[in-house]
């Protein structure tokens, strides 16, 4: 299992920043909001304030573009989302740090909601309305926004909720999962259904293809387009960090080490067998090359403490020789 690997434990590699962690606070926030939404009529009304639907956005309730990702429909909905966030979030946050991980989560969720809303902007839906003259509530639909506006003016109705909106952190979690696959593509993970072992990159690609295929099923109650939008958000955020040379993106760090390796060879840098760095870490040119190859192939999290010390000592030696 992925959770059994060394870098998933508390003794794994340190984060590149000292910002702490936002992973568990995010999970707790989702859980607390879910519990509040279960509190009878109050909870139902509170959840209605978080749902993303084009009708609300048309009427200026812009906060829903972000609030929808913190509400969930049922226990299994939040269980699978939070488990996925915990599993893949640990990998990504160790590399990006807390602040960038939070940005990744929010950007993925926001883009997921926007993509879903753009595709459903003119879709028909049901509206729960209250008669302004005091009669019992009634449900109208299926109607689109233009038809509903005309009905409201004609029948003296006030909308108090609409159905057919979207809630859930699935888009944000999908973005985190894509980021994990981009950061640690060769990590192997065991699936429960089906019970197979595959690379993380392969798993995410398969899930993406399934989401694309299911997005054409208009009868599906799942917001597949929100998942795809979240995946796109995670991909674009990681690419932006890579192109901007931001610290914390593992693909950029791996390329930096490859560049260092080329510089060593160009300068004729050689480490004598049995040599040692400042802290007495013994290493050789072959050992450095071996660690660099493993770094490029499997990622920083797969390195042992001794291998990380070899890289650090070799880097310090290079700085001394280059006069930096």
C-alpha atoms as a PDB file:
ATOM      1  CA  UNK A   1       0.000   0.000   0.000  1.00  0.00           C
ATOM      2  CA  UNK A   2       1.097   3.565  -0.652  1.00  0.00           C
ATOM      3  CA  UNK A   3       0.581   4.434   3.000  1.00  0.00           C
ATOM      4  CA  UNK A   4       3.144   1.787   4.007  1.00  0.00           C
ATOM      5  CA  UNK A   5       6.019   3.453   2.173  1.00  0.00           C
ATOM      6  CA  UNK A   6       8.725   5.225   4.147  1.00  0.00           C
ATOM      7  CA  UNK A   7       7.948   8.732   2.963  1.00  0.00           C
ATOM      8  CA  UNK A   8       4.311   8.423   4.066  1.00  0.00           C
ATOM      9  CA  UNK A   9       5.352   8.035   7.695  1.00  0.00           C
ATOM     10  CA  UNK A  10       6.110  10.775  10.195  1.00  0.00           C
ATOM     11  CA  UNK A  11       9.805   9.952   9.939  1.00  0.00           C
ATOM     12  CA  UNK A  12       9.843  10.689   6.208  1.00  0.00           C
ATOM     13  CA  UNK A  13      11.591  13.614   4.534  1.00  0.00           C
ATOM     14  CA  UNK A  14      11.103  17.089   5.893  1.00  0.00           C
ATOM     15  CA  UNK A  15       9.112  19.646   3.947  1.00  0.00           C
ATOM     16  CA  UNK A  16      11.019  22.218   1.967  1.00  0.00           C
ATOM     17  CA  UNK A  17       9.260  24.974   3.921  1.00  0.00           C
ATOM     18  CA  UNK A  18       8.629  25.452   7.618  1.00  0.00           C
ATOM     19  CA  UNK A  19       4.997  26.435   7.186  1.00  0.00           C
ATOM     20  CA  UNK A  20       3.536  23.495   9.059  1.00  0.00           C
ATOM     21  CA  UNK A  21       0.678  21.603   7.470  1.00  0.00           C
ATOM     22  CA  UNK A  22      -2.773  22.513   6.189  1.00  0.00           C
ATOM     23  CA  UNK A  23      -3.772  18.965   5.267  1.00  0.00           C
ATOM     24  CA  UNK A  24      -5.421  17.963   8.538  1.00  0.00           C
ATOM     25  CA  UNK A  25      -7.087  21.379   9.055  1.00  0.00           C
ATOM     26  CA  UNK A  26      -8.620  21.033   5.568  1.00  0.00           C
ATOM     27  CA  UNK A  27      -9.938  17.590   6.429  1.00  0.00           C
ATOM     28  CA  UNK A  28     -11.337  18.779   9.742  1.00  0.00           C
ATOM     29  CA  UNK A  29     -13.006  21.760   8.080  1.00  0.00           C
ATOM     30  CA  UNK A  30     -14.779  19.460   5.627  1.00  0.00           C
ATOM     31  CA  UNK A  31     -15.843  17.111   8.437  1.00  0.00           C
ATOM     32  CA  UNK A  32     -17.174  19.925  10.639  1.00  0.00           C
ATOM     33  CA  UNK A  33     -19.182  21.436   7.779  1.00  0.00           C
ATOM     34  CA  UNK A  34     -20.597  17.989   6.960  1.00  0.00           C
ATOM     35  CA  UNK A  35     -21.707  17.520  10.573  1.00  0.00           C
ATOM     36  CA  UNK A  36     -23.359  20.952  10.643  1.00  0.00           C
ATOM     37  CA  UNK A  37     -25.232  20.139   7.425  1.00  0.00           C
ATOM     38  CA  UNK A  38     -26.785  17.105   9.148  1.00  0.00           C
ATOM     39  CA  UNK A  39     -28.464  19.200  11.859  1.00  0.00           C
ATOM     40  CA  UNK A  40     -32.073  18.997  10.685  1.00  0.00           C
ATOM     41  CA  UNK A  41     -33.732  21.960   9.009  1.00  0.00           C
ATOM     42  CA  UNK A  42     -30.933  24.310  10.024  1.00  0.00           C
ATOM     43  CA  UNK A  43     -28.339  22.032   8.458  1.00  0.00           C
ATOM     44  CA  UNK A  44     -30.356  21.733   5.242  1.00  0.00           C
ATOM     45  CA  UNK A  45     -30.638  25.515   4.978  1.00  0.00           C
ATOM     46  CA  UNK A  46     -26.920  25.896   5.705  1.00  0.00           C
ATOM     47  CA  UNK A  47     -26.026  23.408   2.971  1.00  0.00           C
ATOM     48  CA  UNK A  48     -28.305  25.265   0.538  1.00  0.00           C
ATOM     49  CA  UNK A  49     -26.082  28.310   1.109  1.00  0.00           C
ATOM     50  CA  UNK A  50     -23.025  26.352  -0.047  1.00  0.00           C
ATOM     51  CA  UNK A  51     -24.372  24.603  -3.162  1.00  0.00           C
ATOM     52  CA  UNK A  52     -23.008  25.725  -6.525  1.00  0.00           C
ATOM     53  CA  UNK A  53     -25.697  26.316  -9.156  1.00  0.00           C
ATOM     54  CA  UNK A  54     -25.904  28.751 -12.090  1.00  0.00           C
ATOM     55  CA  UNK A  55     -29.142  30.196 -10.711  1.00  0.00           C
ATOM     56  CA  UNK A  56     -27.406  31.468  -7.575  1.00  0.00           C
ATOM     57  CA  UNK A  57     -24.411  32.800  -9.498  1.00  0.00           C
ATOM     58  CA  UNK A  58     -26.765  34.714 -11.795  1.00  0.00           C
ATOM     59  CA  UNK A  59     -28.110  36.423  -8.686  1.00  0.00           C
ATOM     60  CA  UNK A  60     -24.722  37.498  -7.357  1.00  0.00           C
ATOM     61  CA  UNK A  61     -23.995  34.730  -4.820  1.00  0.00           C
ATOM     62  CA  UNK A  62     -20.400  34.398  -6.008  1.00  0.00           C
ATOM     63  CA  UNK A  63     -19.110  32.759  -2.812  1.00  0.00           C
ATOM     64  CA  UNK A  64     -20.675  29.494  -3.939  1.00  0.00           C
ATOM     65  CA  UNK A  65     -17.877  28.998  -6.501  1.00  0.00           C
ATOM     66  CA  UNK A  66     -15.617  28.232  -3.524  1.00  0.00           C
ATOM     67  CA  UNK A  67     -18.027  27.117  -0.803  1.00  0.00           C
ATOM     68  CA  UNK A  68     -19.415  24.116  -2.696  1.00  0.00           C
ATOM     69  CA  UNK A  69     -16.152  22.169  -2.299  1.00  0.00           C
ATOM     70  CA  UNK A  70     -16.526  22.033   1.494  1.00  0.00           C
ATOM     71  CA  UNK A  71     -20.006  20.439   1.558  1.00  0.00           C
ATOM     72  CA  UNK A  72     -20.847  16.769   0.974  1.00  0.00           C
ATOM     73  CA  UNK A  73     -24.032  14.850   0.288  1.00  0.00           C
ATOM     74  CA  UNK A  74     -23.606  11.782   2.495  1.00  0.00           C
ATOM     75  CA  UNK A  75     -21.187   9.867   4.686  1.00  0.00           C
ATOM     76  CA  UNK A  76     -19.546   7.854   1.908  1.00  0.00           C
ATOM     77  CA  UNK A  77     -19.175  10.977  -0.218  1.00  0.00           C
ATOM     78  CA  UNK A  78     -17.051  12.702   2.406  1.00  0.00           C
ATOM     79  CA  UNK A  79     -15.313   9.476   3.478  1.00  0.00           C
ATOM     80  CA  UNK A  80     -13.847   8.719   0.052  1.00  0.00           C
ATOM     81  CA  UNK A  81     -12.984  12.352  -0.655  1.00  0.00           C
ATOM     82  CA  UNK A  82     -11.178  12.852   2.643  1.00  0.00           C
ATOM     83  CA  UNK A  83      -9.363   9.528   2.366  1.00  0.00           C
ATOM     84  CA  UNK A  84      -8.129  10.484  -1.089  1.00  0.00           C
ATOM     85  CA  UNK A  85      -7.118  13.936   0.146  1.00  0.00           C
ATOM     86  CA  UNK A  86      -5.173  12.427   3.045  1.00  0.00           C
ATOM     87  CA  UNK A  87      -3.508   9.725   0.951  1.00  0.00           C
ATOM     88  CA  UNK A  88      -2.327  11.908  -1.936  1.00  0.00           C
ATOM     89  CA  UNK A  89      -2.126  15.167  -0.003  1.00  0.00           C
ATOM     90  CA  UNK A  90       0.687  13.848   2.202  1.00  0.00           C
ATOM     91  CA  UNK A  91       2.809  13.229  -0.869  1.00  0.00           C
ATOM     92  CA  UNK A  92       2.184  16.610  -2.454  1.00  0.00           C
ATOM     93  CA  UNK A  93       2.376  18.787   0.656  1.00  0.00           C
ATOM     94  CA  UNK A  94       5.806  17.374   1.545  1.00  0.00           C
ATOM     95  CA  UNK A  95       7.068  18.767  -1.760  1.00  0.00           C
ATOM     96  CA  UNK A  96       5.102  21.990  -2.231  1.00  0.00           C
ATOM     97  CA  UNK A  97       4.815  23.093   1.374  1.00  0.00           C
ATOM     98  CA  UNK A  98       1.635  24.146   3.151  1.00  0.00           C
ATOM     99  CA  UNK A  99       0.932  27.425   1.352  1.00  0.00           C
ATOM    100  CA  UNK A 100       1.374  26.093  -2.164  1.00  0.00           C
ATOM    101  CA  UNK A 101      -0.535  22.925  -1.306  1.00  0.00           C
ATOM    102  CA  UNK A 102      -3.480  25.036  -0.137  1.00  0.00           C
ATOM    103  CA  UNK A 103      -3.272  27.052  -3.364  1.00  0.00           C
ATOM    104  CA  UNK A 104      -3.294  23.814  -5.343  1.00  0.00           C
ATOM    105  CA  UNK A 105      -6.361  22.537  -3.478  1.00  0.00           C
ATOM    106  CA  UNK A 106      -8.307  25.766  -3.905  1.00  0.00           C
ATOM    107  CA  UNK A 107      -7.334  26.313  -7.551  1.00  0.00           C
ATOM    108  CA  UNK A 108      -8.366  22.763  -8.430  1.00  0.00           C
ATOM    109  CA  UNK A 109     -11.693  23.109  -6.644  1.00  0.00           C
ATOM    110  CA  UNK A 110     -12.424  26.523  -8.151  1.00  0.00           C
ATOM    111  CA  UNK A 111     -11.650  25.450 -11.701  1.00  0.00           C
ATOM    112  CA  UNK A 112     -13.653  22.264 -11.211  1.00  0.00           C
ATOM    113  CA  UNK A 113     -16.695  24.279 -10.185  1.00  0.00           C
ATOM    114  CA  UNK A 114     -16.278  26.760 -13.020  1.00  0.00           C
ATOM    115  CA  UNK A 115     -15.986  24.033 -15.652  1.00  0.00           C
ATOM    116  CA  UNK A 116     -19.114  22.273 -14.347  1.00  0.00           C
ATOM    117  CA  UNK A 117     -21.042  25.542 -14.151  1.00  0.00           C
ATOM    118  CA  UNK A 118     -20.044  26.607 -17.662  1.00  0.00           C
ATOM    119  CA  UNK A 119     -21.352  23.310 -19.043  1.00  0.00           C
ATOM    120  CA  UNK A 120     -24.599  23.579 -17.067  1.00  0.00           C
ATOM    121  CA  UNK A 121     -25.264  27.311 -17.368  1.00  0.00           C
ATOM    122  CA  UNK A 122     -28.424  26.896 -19.448  1.00  0.00           C
ATOM    123  CA  UNK A 123     -29.547  23.471 -18.197  1.00  0.00           C
ATOM    124  CA  UNK A 124     -33.071  22.961 -16.889  1.00  0.00           C
ATOM    125  CA  UNK A 125     -33.568  22.394 -13.167  1.00  0.00           C
ATOM    126  CA  UNK A 126     -36.154  22.235 -10.390  1.00  0.00           C
ATOM    127  CA  UNK A 127     -36.861  25.250  -8.191  1.00  0.00           C
ATOM    128  CA  UNK A 128     -38.458  25.180  -4.756  1.00  0.00           C
ATOM    129  CA  UNK A 129     -40.576  28.304  -4.499  1.00  0.00           C
ATOM    130  CA  UNK A 130     -42.596  30.020  -1.792  1.00  0.00           C
ATOM    131  CA  UNK A 131     -45.879  31.693  -2.671  1.00  0.00           C
ATOM    132  CA  UNK A 132     -45.662  35.299  -1.545  1.00  0.00           C
ATOM    133  CA  UNK A 133     -49.342  35.356  -0.593  1.00  0.00           C
ATOM    134  CA  UNK A 134     -48.743  32.818   2.183  1.00  0.00           C
ATOM    135  CA  UNK A 135     -49.644  29.516   0.562  1.00  0.00           C
ATOM    136  CA  UNK A 136     -47.576  26.376   0.977  1.00  0.00           C
ATOM    137  CA  UNK A 137     -44.294  26.012  -0.941  1.00  0.00           C
ATOM    138  CA  UNK A 138     -44.378  24.425  -4.365  1.00  0.00           C
ATOM    139  CA  UNK A 139     -41.814  22.953  -6.725  1.00  0.00           C
ATOM    140  CA  UNK A 140     -41.430  24.166 -10.293  1.00  0.00           C
ATOM    141  CA  UNK A 141     -39.526  22.376 -13.018  1.00  0.00           C
ATOM    142  CA  UNK A 142     -37.855  21.358 -15.039  1.00  0.00           C
ATOM    143  CA  UNK A 143     -37.311  24.950 -16.140  1.00  0.00           C
ATOM    144  CA  UNK A 144     -34.315  27.005 -17.246  1.00  0.00           C
ATOM    145  CA  UNK A 145     -33.375  30.379 -15.820  1.00  0.00           C
ATOM    146  CA  UNK A 146     -35.319  32.396 -18.401  1.00  0.00           C
ATOM    147  CA  UNK A 147     -38.497  30.355 -17.967  1.00  0.00           C
ATOM    148  CA  UNK A 148     -38.268  30.540 -14.186  1.00  0.00           C
ATOM    149  CA  UNK A 149     -37.903  34.314 -14.230  1.00  0.00           C
ATOM    150  CA  UNK A 150     -41.101  34.628 -16.245  1.00  0.00           C
ATOM    151  CA  UNK A 151     -42.955  32.269 -13.894  1.00  0.00           C
ATOM    152  CA  UNK A 152     -41.818  34.167 -10.821  1.00  0.00           C
ATOM    153  CA  UNK A 153     -43.148  37.440 -12.204  1.00  0.00           C
ATOM    154  CA  UNK A 154     -46.445  35.865 -13.261  1.00  0.00           C
ATOM    155  CA  UNK A 155     -47.238  33.785 -10.166  1.00  0.00           C
ATOM    156  CA  UNK A 156     -45.779  36.009  -7.438  1.00  0.00           C
ATOM    157  CA  UNK A 157     -43.267  33.391  -6.306  1.00  0.00           C
ATOM    158  CA  UNK A 158     -39.973  33.589  -4.423  1.00  0.00           C
ATOM    159  CA  UNK A 159     -37.256  30.969  -4.914  1.00  0.00           C
ATOM    160  CA  UNK A 160     -35.804  29.654  -1.680  1.00  0.00           C
ATOM    161  CA  UNK A 161     -33.716  26.835  -3.164  1.00  0.00           C
ATOM    162  CA  UNK A 162     -32.967  25.066  -6.436  1.00  0.00           C
ATOM    163  CA  UNK A 163     -32.007  21.445  -7.034  1.00  0.00           C
ATOM    164  CA  UNK A 164     -29.478  20.016  -9.445  1.00  0.00           C
ATOM    165  CA  UNK A 165     -26.445  21.894  -8.092  1.00  0.00           C
ATOM    166  CA  UNK A 166     -23.071  20.441  -7.171  1.00  0.00           C
ATOM    167  CA  UNK A 167     -21.280  19.954  -3.843  1.00  0.00           C
ATOM    168  CA  UNK A 168     -18.180  18.064  -2.765  1.00  0.00           C
ATOM    169  CA  UNK A 169     -14.397  18.258  -2.706  1.00  0.00           C
ATOM    170  CA  UNK A 170     -13.981  15.725  -5.520  1.00  0.00           C
ATOM    171  CA  UNK A 171     -12.664  18.292  -7.999  1.00  0.00           C
ATOM    172  CA  UNK A 172     -10.114  19.612  -5.517  1.00  0.00           C
ATOM    173  CA  UNK A 173      -9.051  16.076  -4.550  1.00  0.00           C
ATOM    174  CA  UNK A 174      -8.717  15.108  -8.207  1.00  0.00           C
ATOM    175  CA  UNK A 175      -6.371  18.070  -8.693  1.00  0.00           C
ATOM    176  CA  UNK A 176      -4.271  16.917  -5.728  1.00  0.00           C
ATOM    177  CA  UNK A 177      -4.202  13.397  -7.181  1.00  0.00           C
ATOM    178  CA  UNK A 178      -2.977  14.710 -10.546  1.00  0.00           C
ATOM    179  CA  UNK A 179      -0.302  16.747  -8.763  1.00  0.00           C
ATOM    180  CA  UNK A 180       0.815  13.624  -6.891  1.00  0.00           C
ATOM    181  CA  UNK A 181       1.077  11.706 -10.173  1.00  0.00           C
ATOM    182  CA  UNK A 182       3.125  14.505 -11.738  1.00  0.00           C
ATOM    183  CA  UNK A 183       5.393  14.688  -8.697  1.00  0.00           C
ATOM    184  CA  UNK A 184       5.859  10.957  -8.050  1.00  0.00           C
ATOM    185  CA  UNK A 185       4.850   9.284 -11.327  1.00  0.00           C
ATOM    186  CA  UNK A 186       6.577   5.963 -10.658  1.00  0.00           C
ATOM    187  CA  UNK A 187       5.275   5.344  -7.148  1.00  0.00           C
ATOM    188  CA  UNK A 188       3.360   2.059  -7.156  1.00  0.00           C
ATOM    189  CA  UNK A 189      -0.058   1.875  -5.540  1.00  0.00           C
ATOM    190  CA  UNK A 190      -2.339  -1.079  -4.793  1.00  0.00           C
ATOM    191  CA  UNK A 191      -5.983  -0.610  -5.730  1.00  0.00           C
ATOM    192  CA  UNK A 192      -8.854  -2.308  -3.931  1.00  0.00           C
ATOM    193  CA  UNK A 193     -11.181  -2.368  -6.937  1.00  0.00           C
ATOM    194  CA  UNK A 194      -9.813  -3.900  -9.073  1.00  0.00           C
ATOM    195  CA  UNK A 195      -7.160  -5.544  -6.849  1.00  0.00           C
ATOM    196  CA  UNK A 196      -4.145  -4.631  -8.990  1.00  0.00           C
ATOM    197  CA  UNK A 197      -0.871  -2.781  -8.467  1.00  0.00           C
ATOM    198  CA  UNK A 198       0.075  -0.009 -10.868  1.00  0.00           C
ATOM    199  CA  UNK A 199       2.116   3.154 -11.096  1.00  0.00           C
ATOM    200  CA  UNK A 200       0.454   6.290  -9.753  1.00  0.00           C
ATOM    201  CA  UNK A 201       0.778   7.962 -13.150  1.00  0.00           C
ATOM    202  CA  UNK A 202      -1.047   5.049 -14.812  1.00  0.00           C
ATOM    203  CA  UNK A 203      -3.807   5.052 -12.208  1.00  0.00           C
ATOM    204  CA  UNK A 204      -4.518   8.768 -12.601  1.00  0.00           C
ATOM    205  CA  UNK A 205      -4.521   8.456 -16.383  1.00  0.00           C
ATOM    206  CA  UNK A 206      -7.040   5.592 -16.188  1.00  0.00           C
ATOM    207  CA  UNK A 207      -9.285   7.538 -13.830  1.00  0.00           C
ATOM    208  CA  UNK A 208      -9.142  10.566 -16.127  1.00  0.00           C
ATOM    209  CA  UNK A 209     -10.149   8.515 -19.155  1.00  0.00           C
ATOM    210  CA  UNK A 210     -13.064   7.037 -17.186  1.00  0.00           C
ATOM    211  CA  UNK A 211     -14.198  10.513 -16.123  1.00  0.00           C
ATOM    212  CA  UNK A 212     -14.087  11.755 -19.728  1.00  0.00           C
ATOM    213  CA  UNK A 213     -16.142   8.768 -20.879  1.00  0.00           C
ATOM    214  CA  UNK A 214     -18.725   9.116 -18.083  1.00  0.00           C
ATOM    215  CA  UNK A 215     -19.070  12.868 -18.610  1.00  0.00           C
ATOM    216  CA  UNK A 216     -21.097  12.087 -21.752  1.00  0.00           C
ATOM    217  CA  UNK A 217     -23.731  10.290 -19.646  1.00  0.00           C
ATOM    218  CA  UNK A 218     -26.242  13.039 -18.995  1.00  0.00           C
ATOM    219  CA  UNK A 219     -28.239  10.812 -16.609  1.00  0.00           C
ATOM    220  CA  UNK A 220     -25.308  10.355 -14.208  1.00  0.00           C
ATOM    221  CA  UNK A 221     -25.814  12.049 -10.808  1.00  0.00           C
ATOM    222  CA  UNK A 222     -22.033  12.553 -10.488  1.00  0.00           C
ATOM    223  CA  UNK A 223     -20.477  15.860 -11.574  1.00  0.00           C
ATOM    224  CA  UNK A 224     -17.777  14.324 -13.760  1.00  0.00           C
ATOM    225  CA  UNK A 225     -16.981  17.667 -15.363  1.00  0.00           C
ATOM    226  CA  UNK A 226     -16.112  19.064 -11.943  1.00  0.00           C
ATOM    227  CA  UNK A 227     -13.623  16.203 -11.537  1.00  0.00           C
ATOM    228  CA  UNK A 228     -12.077  16.928 -14.923  1.00  0.00           C
ATOM    229  CA  UNK A 229     -11.934  20.636 -14.181  1.00  0.00           C
ATOM    230  CA  UNK A 230     -10.178  19.884 -10.903  1.00  0.00           C
ATOM    231  CA  UNK A 231      -7.695  17.638 -12.703  1.00  0.00           C
ATOM    232  CA  UNK A 232      -7.007  20.447 -15.157  1.00  0.00           C
ATOM    233  CA  UNK A 233      -6.539  22.873 -12.271  1.00  0.00           C
ATOM    234  CA  UNK A 234      -3.966  20.613 -10.609  1.00  0.00           C
ATOM    235  CA  UNK A 235      -2.124  20.127 -13.879  1.00  0.00           C
ATOM    236  CA  UNK A 236      -2.015  23.841 -14.705  1.00  0.00           C
ATOM    237  CA  UNK A 237      -0.914  24.824 -11.204  1.00  0.00           C
ATOM    238  CA  UNK A 238       1.990  22.370 -11.264  1.00  0.00           C
ATOM    239  CA  UNK A 239       2.986  23.506 -14.762  1.00  0.00           C
ATOM    240  CA  UNK A 240       2.920  27.128 -13.643  1.00  0.00           C
ATOM    241  CA  UNK A 241       5.260  26.356 -10.759  1.00  0.00           C
ATOM    242  CA  UNK A 242       7.544  24.456 -13.096  1.00  0.00           C
ATOM    243  CA  UNK A 243       7.722  27.226 -15.674  1.00  0.00           C
ATOM    244  CA  UNK A 244       8.191  29.850 -12.988  1.00  0.00           C
ATOM    245  CA  UNK A 245      11.023  27.924 -11.347  1.00  0.00           C
ATOM    246  CA  UNK A 246       9.283  27.903  -7.987  1.00  0.00           C
ATOM    247  CA  UNK A 247      10.949  25.977  -5.205  1.00  0.00           C
ATOM    248  CA  UNK A 248       9.055  22.898  -4.148  1.00  0.00           C
ATOM    249  CA  UNK A 249       8.013  21.450  -7.474  1.00  0.00           C
ATOM    250  CA  UNK A 250       9.698  18.108  -7.693  1.00  0.00           C
ATOM    251  CA  UNK A 251       9.971  17.997 -11.453  1.00  0.00           C
ATOM    252  CA  UNK A 252      11.892  21.266 -11.310  1.00  0.00           C
ATOM    253  CA  UNK A 253      14.106  20.007  -8.500  1.00  0.00           C
ATOM    254  CA  UNK A 254      14.925  16.820 -10.416  1.00  0.00           C
ATOM    255  CA  UNK A 255      15.894  18.868 -13.463  1.00  0.00           C
ATOM    256  CA  UNK A 256      18.076  21.061 -11.246  1.00  0.00           C
ATOM    257  CA  UNK A 257      19.982  18.035  -9.995  1.00  0.00           C
ATOM    258  CA  UNK A 258      20.455  16.828 -13.554  1.00  0.00           C
ATOM    259  CA  UNK A 259      21.872  20.246 -14.404  1.00  0.00           C
ATOM    260  CA  UNK A 260      24.213  19.977 -11.409  1.00  0.00           C
ATOM    261  CA  UNK A 261      25.339  16.593 -12.654  1.00  0.00           C
ATOM    262  CA  UNK A 262      26.205  18.025 -16.066  1.00  0.00           C
ATOM    263  CA  UNK A 263      28.134  20.869 -14.424  1.00  0.00           C
ATOM    264  CA  UNK A 264      30.166  18.417 -12.360  1.00  0.00           C
ATOM    265  CA  UNK A 265      31.153  16.495 -15.450  1.00  0.00           C
ATOM    266  CA  UNK A 266      31.903  19.678 -17.430  1.00  0.00           C
ATOM    267  CA  UNK A 267      34.198  20.986 -14.669  1.00  0.00           C
ATOM    268  CA  UNK A 268      35.968  17.655 -14.394  1.00  0.00           C
ATOM    269  CA  UNK A 269      34.683  17.267 -10.852  1.00  0.00           C
ATOM    270  CA  UNK A 270      35.572  13.878  -9.415  1.00  0.00           C
ATOM    271  CA  UNK A 271      35.024  12.519  -5.963  1.00  0.00           C
ATOM    272  CA  UNK A 272      37.744  10.141  -4.868  1.00  0.00           C
ATOM    273  CA  UNK A 273      36.672   6.779  -3.452  1.00  0.00           C
ATOM    274  CA  UNK A 274      36.544   6.976   0.296  1.00  0.00           C
ATOM    275  CA  UNK A 275      36.213  10.762   0.232  1.00  0.00           C
ATOM    276  CA  UNK A 276      33.994  12.549   2.705  1.00  0.00           C
ATOM    277  CA  UNK A 277      32.045  15.774   2.984  1.00  0.00           C
ATOM    278  CA  UNK A 278      32.014  18.202   5.880  1.00  0.00           C
ATOM    279  CA  UNK A 279      30.082  15.807   8.077  1.00  0.00           C
ATOM    280  CA  UNK A 280      32.236  12.802   7.306  1.00  0.00           C
ATOM    281  CA  UNK A 281      29.824  11.253   4.802  1.00  0.00           C
ATOM    282  CA  UNK A 282      31.767   8.890   2.549  1.00  0.00           C
ATOM    283  CA  UNK A 283      30.811   8.894  -1.104  1.00  0.00           C
ATOM    284  CA  UNK A 284      32.211   8.290  -4.573  1.00  0.00           C
ATOM    285  CA  UNK A 285      31.445   9.514  -8.073  1.00  0.00           C
ATOM    286  CA  UNK A 286      29.653   6.246  -8.761  1.00  0.00           C
ATOM    287  CA  UNK A 287      27.580   6.674  -5.606  1.00  0.00           C
ATOM    288  CA  UNK A 288      26.577  10.211  -6.587  1.00  0.00           C
ATOM    289  CA  UNK A 289      25.590   9.058 -10.080  1.00  0.00           C
ATOM    290  CA  UNK A 290      23.581   6.203  -8.617  1.00  0.00           C
ATOM    291  CA  UNK A 291      21.699   8.497  -6.249  1.00  0.00           C
ATOM    292  CA  UNK A 292      21.031  11.038  -9.027  1.00  0.00           C
ATOM    293  CA  UNK A 293      19.618   8.313 -11.253  1.00  0.00           C
ATOM    294  CA  UNK A 294      17.338   7.124  -8.464  1.00  0.00           C
ATOM    295  CA  UNK A 295      16.320  10.718  -7.758  1.00  0.00           C
ATOM    296  CA  UNK A 296      15.285  11.309 -11.368  1.00  0.00           C
ATOM    297  CA  UNK A 297      13.537   7.936 -11.628  1.00  0.00           C
ATOM    298  CA  UNK A 298      11.672   7.646  -8.314  1.00  0.00           C
ATOM    299  CA  UNK A 299      11.686  11.072  -6.675  1.00  0.00           C
ATOM    300  CA  UNK A 300      13.150  12.522  -3.496  1.00  0.00           C
ATOM    301  CA  UNK A 301      10.812  10.635  -1.200  1.00  0.00           C
ATOM    302  CA  UNK A 302      12.311   7.313  -2.280  1.00  0.00           C
ATOM    303  CA  UNK A 303      15.839   8.282  -1.165  1.00  0.00           C
ATOM    304  CA  UNK A 304      17.214   6.983   2.110  1.00  0.00           C
ATOM    305  CA  UNK A 305      18.738   9.313   4.701  1.00  0.00           C
ATOM    306  CA  UNK A 306      22.215   8.192   3.637  1.00  0.00           C
ATOM    307  CA  UNK A 307      21.481   8.965  -0.032  1.00  0.00           C
ATOM    308  CA  UNK A 308      20.199  12.436   0.850  1.00  0.00           C
ATOM    309  CA  UNK A 309      23.383  13.088   2.824  1.00  0.00           C
ATOM    310  CA  UNK A 310      25.470  11.988  -0.159  1.00  0.00           C
ATOM    311  CA  UNK A 311      23.707  14.564  -2.350  1.00  0.00           C
ATOM    312  CA  UNK A 312      24.096  17.281   0.249  1.00  0.00           C
ATOM    313  CA  UNK A 313      27.789  16.542   0.809  1.00  0.00           C
ATOM    314  CA  UNK A 314      28.498  16.414  -2.929  1.00  0.00           C
ATOM    315  CA  UNK A 315      26.710  19.727  -3.412  1.00  0.00           C
ATOM    316  CA  UNK A 316      28.763  21.348  -0.648  1.00  0.00           C
ATOM    317  CA  UNK A 317      31.959  20.037  -2.206  1.00  0.00           C
ATOM    318  CA  UNK A 318      30.965  21.465  -5.590  1.00  0.00           C
ATOM    319  CA  UNK A 319      30.295  24.873  -4.056  1.00  0.00           C
ATOM    320  CA  UNK A 320      33.739  24.886  -2.463  1.00  0.00           C
ATOM    321  CA  UNK A 321      35.472  23.959  -5.689  1.00  0.00           C
ATOM    322  CA  UNK A 322      33.578  26.594  -7.678  1.00  0.00           C
ATOM    323  CA  UNK A 323      34.345  29.270  -5.065  1.00  0.00           C
ATOM    324  CA  UNK A 324      30.723  29.936  -4.106  1.00  0.00           C
END
